[in-house]
Amino acid sequence: MFLRSTGAGASAKTISPVSEDIIDTVGDDPMNVPSELQNVLTSTPDTLGGSVRFQGTRVPVRALLDAFTCGRSLDYFLEAYPGVTKEQAEAVIRWEQDQAREVFGLDLAA
């Protein structure tokens, strides 16, 4: 389990747990980017400690997943991280949906 700080100011911050399942959504190895997302995500050992991030940015994919976990919208995420394109974020969302559909034996999203 990892900890995430929340709140606006340093004194207002609280620590809440973040499941490892949420953080590690692209494979067991944090440097493992699924082939379907190779043009959207990247990971290099010298940037963000190898965390998977959106290409052309220092924004980890975990930021998108954490935003949704906290009830934030895609628009909120895109405003907070203007370096990430809507297409990049939507590609990750589609991939995640396809993973769930595969697990539950449903048709993949078009």
Foldseek 3Di string as FASTA:
>chain_A
DDWDWDDDDPVGIDIDDDDPCLQPVQDPDQQRHDPLLPQFWGFDCVQPNRHIPGPPDSHHPSLLSVCVVVVHDPVVSCVVPVRHDPVSNVSVVLVVQQVVCVVVVHDRDD
